[in-house]
Amino acid sequence: MFRHLVVSLFVLVVFRGVASGQFTTVIDVPPDVAPGSIGSDTQVNLFAGGALGDGFEMGASDGSSTNLELNIFGGTVGMDFQSYGGVVNIRGGLFNGDNHRFRNTTVSVLDGSLGSDFWIEDGSVIHVLGGTVGNDLIIESGGRANILSGNIDINVDVAGGQIDIFAGEVDMNVETGGVANIWGGENETDIEDGGHANVHGGSFPLPMFAEAGSSVRIFGTSFLLDGQAIVGLNGIGDTVEILARDGAALSATLRDGTRRDFVLNSLLVSGEDRFDMAAQLEVTLATAIPEPSALIVFGLLALPRRGRRRVG
């Protein structure tokens, strides 16, 4: 119930009613003819039966356009959609094809279908509360994503950007420079060389993979290594690096109360976790959090840091 309240508040804040008075030009499709691009001080409202063609451009490619808004209630958007700034609110409709790119844009998704290759580039953020996503949601460097809905089944490449997962089913690759903050949801996670994951909660029904050069920090209220207390975890914020591999068992109670036993294999074993010997694995003792709370959890991102130890 608490999560439903959080999502409801988020919807009220992000999906405000259409306010056309603040724009010089307002285009309703239909009945208006759809433009191929828009400039500053323009709002487009796309309704059922309307369509934006392939290669639609929202703003000037140099980022100079201001005060742009696209509200999608229905209809279709062609492939190669390009947004260079402004706000896109998606409450329905369909993005056809692939290669939809957003730079310096705030994207909020409540319903609809996003198609394939949905790129969140530098300066952009996407909030996903519903709808469906095609083959890939790609978060590039400088881009951010918040996955808030429990009804999402999504494939994500964190290609240098940041993602916060509170709910949904997420199949994710965290690539070089990417950061994944996992607070909830059902996750299948592969952290590649140069990628980083912070695990605070959520479930992991399938194995987690941490490749050479990656780093993972697990935040929890209690930990055991092969059934024994971990030396150095004495107070909130204490962090210990775990060097043990060869199938050692790391038992964690995550911050949301989820219990997870990580199997620390350095080599591939069918159906089990793998943490390469050259992957950095740390555990941090932390306070419990509500499950999962988008409003409270952002205020808990900064934990006090105390001394680090290395445990074999």
Protein backbone atom coordinates (compact mmCIF):
# COMPACT_ATOMS: atom_id res chain seq x y z
CA MET A 1 0.00 0.00 0.00
CA PHE A 2 2.85 2.37 0.81
CA ARG A 3 4.40 1.82 -2.62
CA HIS A 4 1.03 2.49 -4.27
CA LEU A 5 0.85 5.81 -2.41
CA VAL A 6 4.36 6.70 -3.58
CA VAL A 7 3.48 5.92 -7.19
CA SER A 8 0.21 7.88 -6.92
CA LEU A 9 2.05 10.94 -5.62
CA PHE A 10 4.63 10.58 -8.37
CA VAL A 11 1.90 10.48 -11.00
CA LEU A 12 0.29 13.63 -9.59
CA VAL A 13 3.61 15.48 -9.75
CA VAL A 14 4.85 14.25 -13.14
CA PHE A 15 1.64 13.77 -15.11
CA ARG A 16 0.01 17.12 -14.50
CA GLY A 17 -2.92 18.15 -16.65
CA VAL A 18 -2.16 19.59 -20.04
CA ALA A 19 -1.51 23.31 -19.63
CA SER A 20 -1.51 24.97 -23.04
CA GLY A 21 -1.46 28.57 -21.85
CA GLN A 22 2.30 28.64 -21.33
CA PHE A 23 3.04 27.90 -25.01
CA THR A 24 2.93 30.23 -28.00
CA THR A 25 1.98 27.34 -30.30
CA VAL A 26 -0.26 24.38 -29.39
CA ILE A 27 -0.75 21.58 -31.92
CA ASP A 28 -3.43 18.91 -31.30
CA VAL A 29 -3.03 15.88 -33.58
CA PRO A 30 -5.77 15.25 -34.68
CA PRO A 31 -7.43 17.48 -35.77
CA ASP A 32 -4.28 19.46 -36.64
CA VAL A 33 -1.79 18.21 -39.21
CA ALA A 34 1.27 16.67 -37.58
CA PRO A 35 4.48 18.68 -38.03
CA GLY A 36 7.82 17.10 -38.92
CA SER A 37 9.58 19.08 -36.19
CA ILE A 38 8.88 21.72 -33.56
CA GLY A 39 10.76 24.69 -32.12
CA SER A 40 10.67 26.77 -28.93
CA ASP A 41 7.48 27.54 -27.00
CA THR A 42 5.56 24.68 -28.61
CA GLN A 43 3.34 21.96 -27.22
CA VAL A 44 2.16 18.95 -29.23
CA ASN A 45 -0.69 16.73 -28.00
CA LEU A 46 -0.96 13.41 -29.84
CA PHE A 47 -4.30 11.60 -29.60
CA ALA A 48 -5.76 8.31 -30.88
CA GLY A 49 -5.82 8.28 -34.66
CA GLY A 50 -2.94 10.74 -34.95
CA ALA A 51 0.63 10.06 -36.06
CA LEU A 52 4.03 11.70 -35.95
CA GLY A 53 6.09 10.60 -38.94
CA ASP A 54 9.53 9.00 -39.10
CA GLY A 55 12.40 11.26 -38.07
CA PHE A 56 10.29 13.70 -36.01
CA GLU A 57 12.57 16.25 -34.32
CA MET A 58 11.69 17.94 -31.05
CA GLY A 59 13.80 21.10 -30.86
CA ALA A 60 16.95 22.17 -32.64
CA SER A 61 19.78 19.64 -32.73
CA ASP A 62 22.15 22.15 -31.10
CA GLY A 63 19.94 22.22 -27.97
CA SER A 64 19.04 25.88 -28.36
CA SER A 65 15.24 25.36 -28.33
CA THR A 66 13.37 25.97 -25.07
CA ASN A 67 9.92 25.35 -23.59
CA LEU A 68 9.01 22.20 -25.52
CA GLU A 69 6.42 19.60 -24.54
CA LEU A 70 5.02 16.49 -26.19
CA ASN A 71 2.03 14.73 -24.58
CA ILE A 72 1.21 11.34 -26.08
CA PHE A 73 -2.29 10.05 -25.23
CA GLY A 74 -2.60 7.71 -28.21
CA GLY A 75 -1.68 7.39 -31.85
CA THR A 76 1.71 6.42 -33.24
CA VAL A 77 5.23 7.86 -33.39
CA GLY A 78 7.45 6.83 -36.31
CA MET A 79 10.98 5.46 -36.08
CA ASP A 80 14.05 7.65 -35.54
CA PHE A 81 12.27 10.03 -33.14
CA GLN A 82 14.76 12.67 -31.91
CA SER A 83 14.28 14.93 -28.89
CA TYR A 84 16.88 17.59 -28.10
CA GLY A 85 15.20 19.08 -25.04
CA GLY A 86 11.94 19.60 -23.19
CA VAL A 87 9.39 17.24 -21.66
CA VAL A 88 7.79 14.10 -23.11
CA ASN A 89 4.80 12.61 -21.25
CA ILE A 90 3.68 9.20 -22.53
CA ARG A 91 0.23 8.07 -21.39
CA GLY A 92 -0.55 5.80 -24.33
CA GLY A 93 0.19 5.27 -27.99
CA LEU A 94 2.92 3.38 -29.79
CA PHE A 95 6.52 4.18 -30.79
CA ASN A 96 7.08 2.27 -34.03
CA GLY A 97 10.40 0.82 -35.10
CA ASP A 98 13.64 1.67 -33.36
CA ASN A 99 16.30 4.34 -32.73
CA HIS A 100 14.30 6.74 -30.55
CA ARG A 101 16.73 9.18 -28.92
CA PHE A 102 16.35 11.69 -26.09
CA ARG A 103 18.93 14.31 -25.10
CA ASN A 104 18.37 16.93 -22.37
CA THR A 105 14.81 15.64 -22.09
CA THR A 106 12.60 14.52 -19.20
CA VAL A 107 10.56 11.47 -20.24
CA SER A 108 7.71 10.09 -18.11
CA VAL A 109 5.96 6.86 -19.06
CA LEU A 110 2.62 5.80 -17.59
CA ASP A 111 1.28 3.68 -20.45
CA GLY A 112 1.90 2.91 -24.10
CA SER A 113 4.55 0.95 -25.98
CA LEU A 114 8.07 2.34 -26.39
CA GLY A 115 9.29 0.18 -29.25
CA SER A 116 12.95 -0.84 -29.57
CA ASP A 117 16.24 0.97 -28.98
CA PHE A 118 14.97 3.71 -26.68
CA TRP A 119 18.09 5.80 -26.00
CA ILE A 120 18.33 8.03 -22.90
CA GLU A 121 21.30 10.24 -23.62
CA ASP A 122 23.26 12.97 -21.83
CA GLY A 123 21.10 15.28 -19.72
CA SER A 124 17.97 13.12 -19.98
CA VAL A 125 16.00 11.20 -17.36
CA ILE A 126 13.21 8.67 -17.87
CA HIS A 127 10.65 7.72 -15.19
CA VAL A 128 8.86 4.46 -16.01
CA LEU A 129 5.63 3.65 -14.17
CA GLY A 130 3.87 1.54 -16.79
CA GLY A 131 3.62 0.58 -20.41
CA THR A 132 5.86 -1.82 -22.30
CA VAL A 133 9.39 -1.49 -23.61
CA GLY A 134 10.75 -3.29 -26.68
CA ASN A 135 14.15 -4.89 -27.04
CA ASP A 136 16.31 -2.32 -25.25
CA LEU A 137 16.22 0.70 -22.99
CA ILE A 138 19.72 2.15 -23.28
CA ILE A 139 21.00 4.57 -20.63
CA GLU A 140 24.03 6.40 -21.97
CA SER A 141 26.59 8.50 -20.08
CA GLY A 142 24.84 11.44 -18.42
CA GLY A 143 21.44 9.76 -18.70
CA ARG A 144 19.31 8.43 -15.82
CA ALA A 145 16.40 6.04 -15.44
CA ASN A 146 13.96 5.35 -12.60
CA ILE A 147 11.97 2.11 -12.88
CA LEU A 148 9.02 2.45 -10.49
CA SER A 149 6.28 0.12 -11.71
CA GLY A 150 5.75 -3.48 -10.69
CA ASN A 151 4.19 -4.22 -14.10
CA ILE A 152 7.31 -3.65 -16.20
CA ASP A 153 9.27 -6.43 -17.90
CA ILE A 154 12.25 -4.63 -19.39
CA ASN A 155 15.69 -5.16 -20.93
CA VAL A 156 18.19 -2.47 -20.01
CA ASP A 157 21.74 -1.61 -21.07
CA VAL A 158 23.30 0.82 -18.60
CA ALA A 159 25.90 2.14 -21.03
CA GLY A 160 27.61 4.71 -18.82
CA GLY A 161 24.49 6.23 -17.22
CA GLN A 162 22.63 5.50 -13.99
CA ILE A 163 19.53 3.47 -13.20
CA ASP A 164 17.50 3.17 -10.00
CA ILE A 165 15.22 0.13 -9.84
CA PHE A 166 12.34 0.02 -7.36
CA ALA A 167 10.04 -2.52 -9.00
CA GLY A 168 9.41 -4.51 -12.16
CA GLU A 169 11.24 -7.36 -13.86
CA VAL A 170 14.57 -6.07 -15.13
CA ASP A 171 17.11 -7.94 -17.26
CA MET A 172 20.13 -5.66 -17.12
CA ASN A 173 23.70 -5.31 -18.37
CA VAL A 174 25.76 -2.68 -16.55
CA GLU A 175 28.54 -1.58 -18.88
CA THR A 176 31.67 0.55 -18.45
CA GLY A 177 30.90 3.68 -16.43
CA GLY A 178 27.34 2.55 -15.70
CA VAL A 179 25.85 2.54 -12.20
CA ALA A 180 22.86 0.44 -11.12
CA ASN A 181 21.15 1.15 -7.79
CA ILE A 182 18.86 -1.78 -7.03
CA TRP A 183 16.20 -1.11 -4.36
CA GLY A 184 13.54 -3.59 -5.38
CA GLY A 185 12.10 -5.50 -8.29
CA GLU A 186 13.01 -8.85 -9.77
CA ASN A 187 16.47 -8.60 -11.30
CA GLU A 188 18.72 -10.49 -13.68
CA THR A 189 22.01 -8.62 -13.54
CA ASP A 190 25.33 -8.83 -15.37
CA ILE A 191 27.92 -6.24 -14.29
CA GLU A 192 30.58 -5.89 -16.95
CA ASP A 193 34.14 -4.51 -16.84
CA GLY A 194 33.97 -0.94 -15.50
CA GLY A 195 30.35 -1.24 -14.36
CA HIS A 196 29.15 -0.84 -10.78
CA ALA A 197 26.08 -2.07 -8.88
CA ASN A 198 24.74 -1.06 -5.45
CA VAL A 199 22.34 -3.69 -4.15
CA HIS A 200 19.95 -2.48 -1.40
CA GLY A 201 17.00 -4.80 -1.97
CA GLY A 202 14.97 -6.70 -4.50
CA SER A 203 15.01 -10.33 -5.56
CA PHE A 204 17.48 -12.16 -7.81
CA PRO A 205 15.82 -15.37 -9.00
CA LEU A 206 18.56 -15.91 -11.59
CA PRO A 207 22.33 -15.83 -11.03
CA MET A 208 24.21 -12.55 -10.73
CA PHE A 209 27.39 -12.15 -12.78
CA ALA A 210 30.21 -9.76 -11.89
CA GLU A 211 32.87 -9.74 -14.59
CA ALA A 212 36.55 -8.88 -14.22
CA GLY A 213 36.98 -5.15 -13.60
CA SER A 214 33.45 -4.67 -12.27
CA SER A 215 32.46 -3.69 -8.73
CA VAL A 216 29.49 -4.64 -6.57
CA ARG A 217 28.51 -3.31 -3.17
CA ILE A 218 25.78 -5.08 -1.21
CA PHE A 219 24.01 -3.10 1.51
CA GLY A 220 22.30 -5.08 4.24
CA THR A 221 21.32 -5.31 7.87
CA SER A 222 23.26 -8.55 8.45
CA PHE A 223 25.81 -10.73 6.66
CA LEU A 224 27.42 -14.14 7.10
CA LEU A 225 30.33 -15.62 5.16
CA ASP A 226 30.23 -19.43 5.15
CA GLY A 227 27.96 -19.21 8.20
CA GLN A 228 30.33 -17.00 10.19
CA ALA A 229 30.12 -13.34 11.19
CA ILE A 230 32.26 -11.05 9.02
CA VAL A 231 35.09 -9.36 10.90
CA GLY A 232 34.94 -5.59 10.60
CA LEU A 233 31.17 -5.20 10.31
CA ASN A 234 30.51 -3.60 13.67
CA GLY A 235 28.35 -0.54 13.02
CA ILE A 236 26.22 1.17 10.40
CA GLY A 237 28.34 2.26 7.45
CA ASP A 238 31.15 -0.26 8.02
CA THR A 239 32.37 -1.70 4.72
CA VAL A 240 34.35 -4.88 4.15
CA GLU A 241 35.79 -6.17 0.89
CA ILE A 242 35.08 -9.86 0.32
CA LEU A 243 37.97 -11.70 -1.30
CA ALA A 244 36.67 -15.26 -0.79
CA ARG A 245 35.66 -17.22 -3.90
CA ASP A 246 35.72 -20.97 -4.75
CA GLY A 247 32.02 -21.33 -4.00
CA ALA A 248 32.02 -19.52 -0.64
CA ALA A 249 28.51 -18.65 0.60
CA LEU A 250 27.71 -15.01 1.32
CA SER A 251 24.38 -14.75 3.12
CA ALA A 252 22.81 -11.28 3.19
CA THR A 253 19.68 -9.74 4.62
CA LEU A 254 19.18 -6.78 2.31
CA ARG A 255 17.84 -3.42 3.46
CA ASP A 256 14.28 -4.25 2.38
CA GLY A 257 14.35 -7.48 4.42
CA THR A 258 14.98 -9.81 1.47
CA ARG A 259 17.25 -12.78 2.24
CA ARG A 260 19.72 -13.72 -0.49
CA ASP A 261 22.51 -16.29 -0.51
CA PHE A 262 25.21 -15.34 -3.04
CA VAL A 263 27.46 -18.17 -4.23
CA LEU A 264 30.93 -16.75 -4.81
CA ASN A 265 32.16 -18.79 -7.77
CA SER A 266 35.02 -17.33 -9.77
CA LEU A 267 34.33 -19.75 -12.64
CA LEU A 268 31.05 -20.39 -14.42
CA VAL A 269 28.85 -22.94 -12.66
CA SER A 270 25.45 -23.60 -14.20
CA GLY A 271 22.62 -22.00 -12.22
CA GLU A 272 24.90 -20.21 -9.73
CA ASP A 273 26.31 -16.71 -9.24
CA ARG A 274 29.75 -15.84 -10.57
CA PHE A 275 32.05 -13.18 -9.16
CA ASP A 276 35.31 -13.06 -11.08
CA MET A 277 38.49 -12.97 -9.00
CA ALA A 278 39.19 -9.56 -10.55
CA ALA A 279 35.76 -8.21 -9.61
CA GLN A 280 35.55 -6.09 -6.46
CA LEU A 281 32.87 -7.24 -4.02
CA GLU A 282 32.07 -5.22 -0.90
CA VAL A 283 29.42 -5.46 1.80
CA THR A 284 28.19 -2.50 3.85
CA LEU A 285 26.20 -2.68 7.07
CA ALA A 286 23.17 -0.42 6.68
CA THR A 287 19.80 0.42 8.21
CA ALA A 288 16.57 -1.19 7.03
CA ILE A 289 14.31 0.65 4.58
CA PRO A 290 10.61 0.30 3.67
CA GLU A 291 9.94 -1.91 0.66
CA PRO A 292 10.40 -0.24 -1.86
CA SER A 293 9.86 3.49 -1.18
CA ALA A 294 10.85 5.90 -3.91
CA LEU A 295 10.23 9.01 -1.80
CA ILE A 296 12.11 7.90 1.29
CA VAL A 297 14.85 5.92 -0.38
CA PHE A 298 16.35 8.85 -2.27
CA GLY A 299 17.03 10.49 1.08
CA LEU A 300 18.93 7.40 2.18
CA LEU A 301 21.40 7.32 -0.67
CA ALA A 302 24.24 8.78 1.39
CA LEU A 303 25.30 6.37 4.09
CA PRO A 304 27.98 7.24 6.64
CA ARG A 305 31.25 5.65 5.61
CA ARG A 306 33.51 4.07 8.16
CA GLY A 307 36.66 2.01 7.85
CA ARG A 308 37.11 -0.59 5.11
CA ARG A 309 38.59 -4.02 5.62
CA ARG A 310 39.45 -6.89 3.30
CA VAL A 311 38.31 -10.38 4.22
CA GLY A 312 39.44 -13.55 2.51
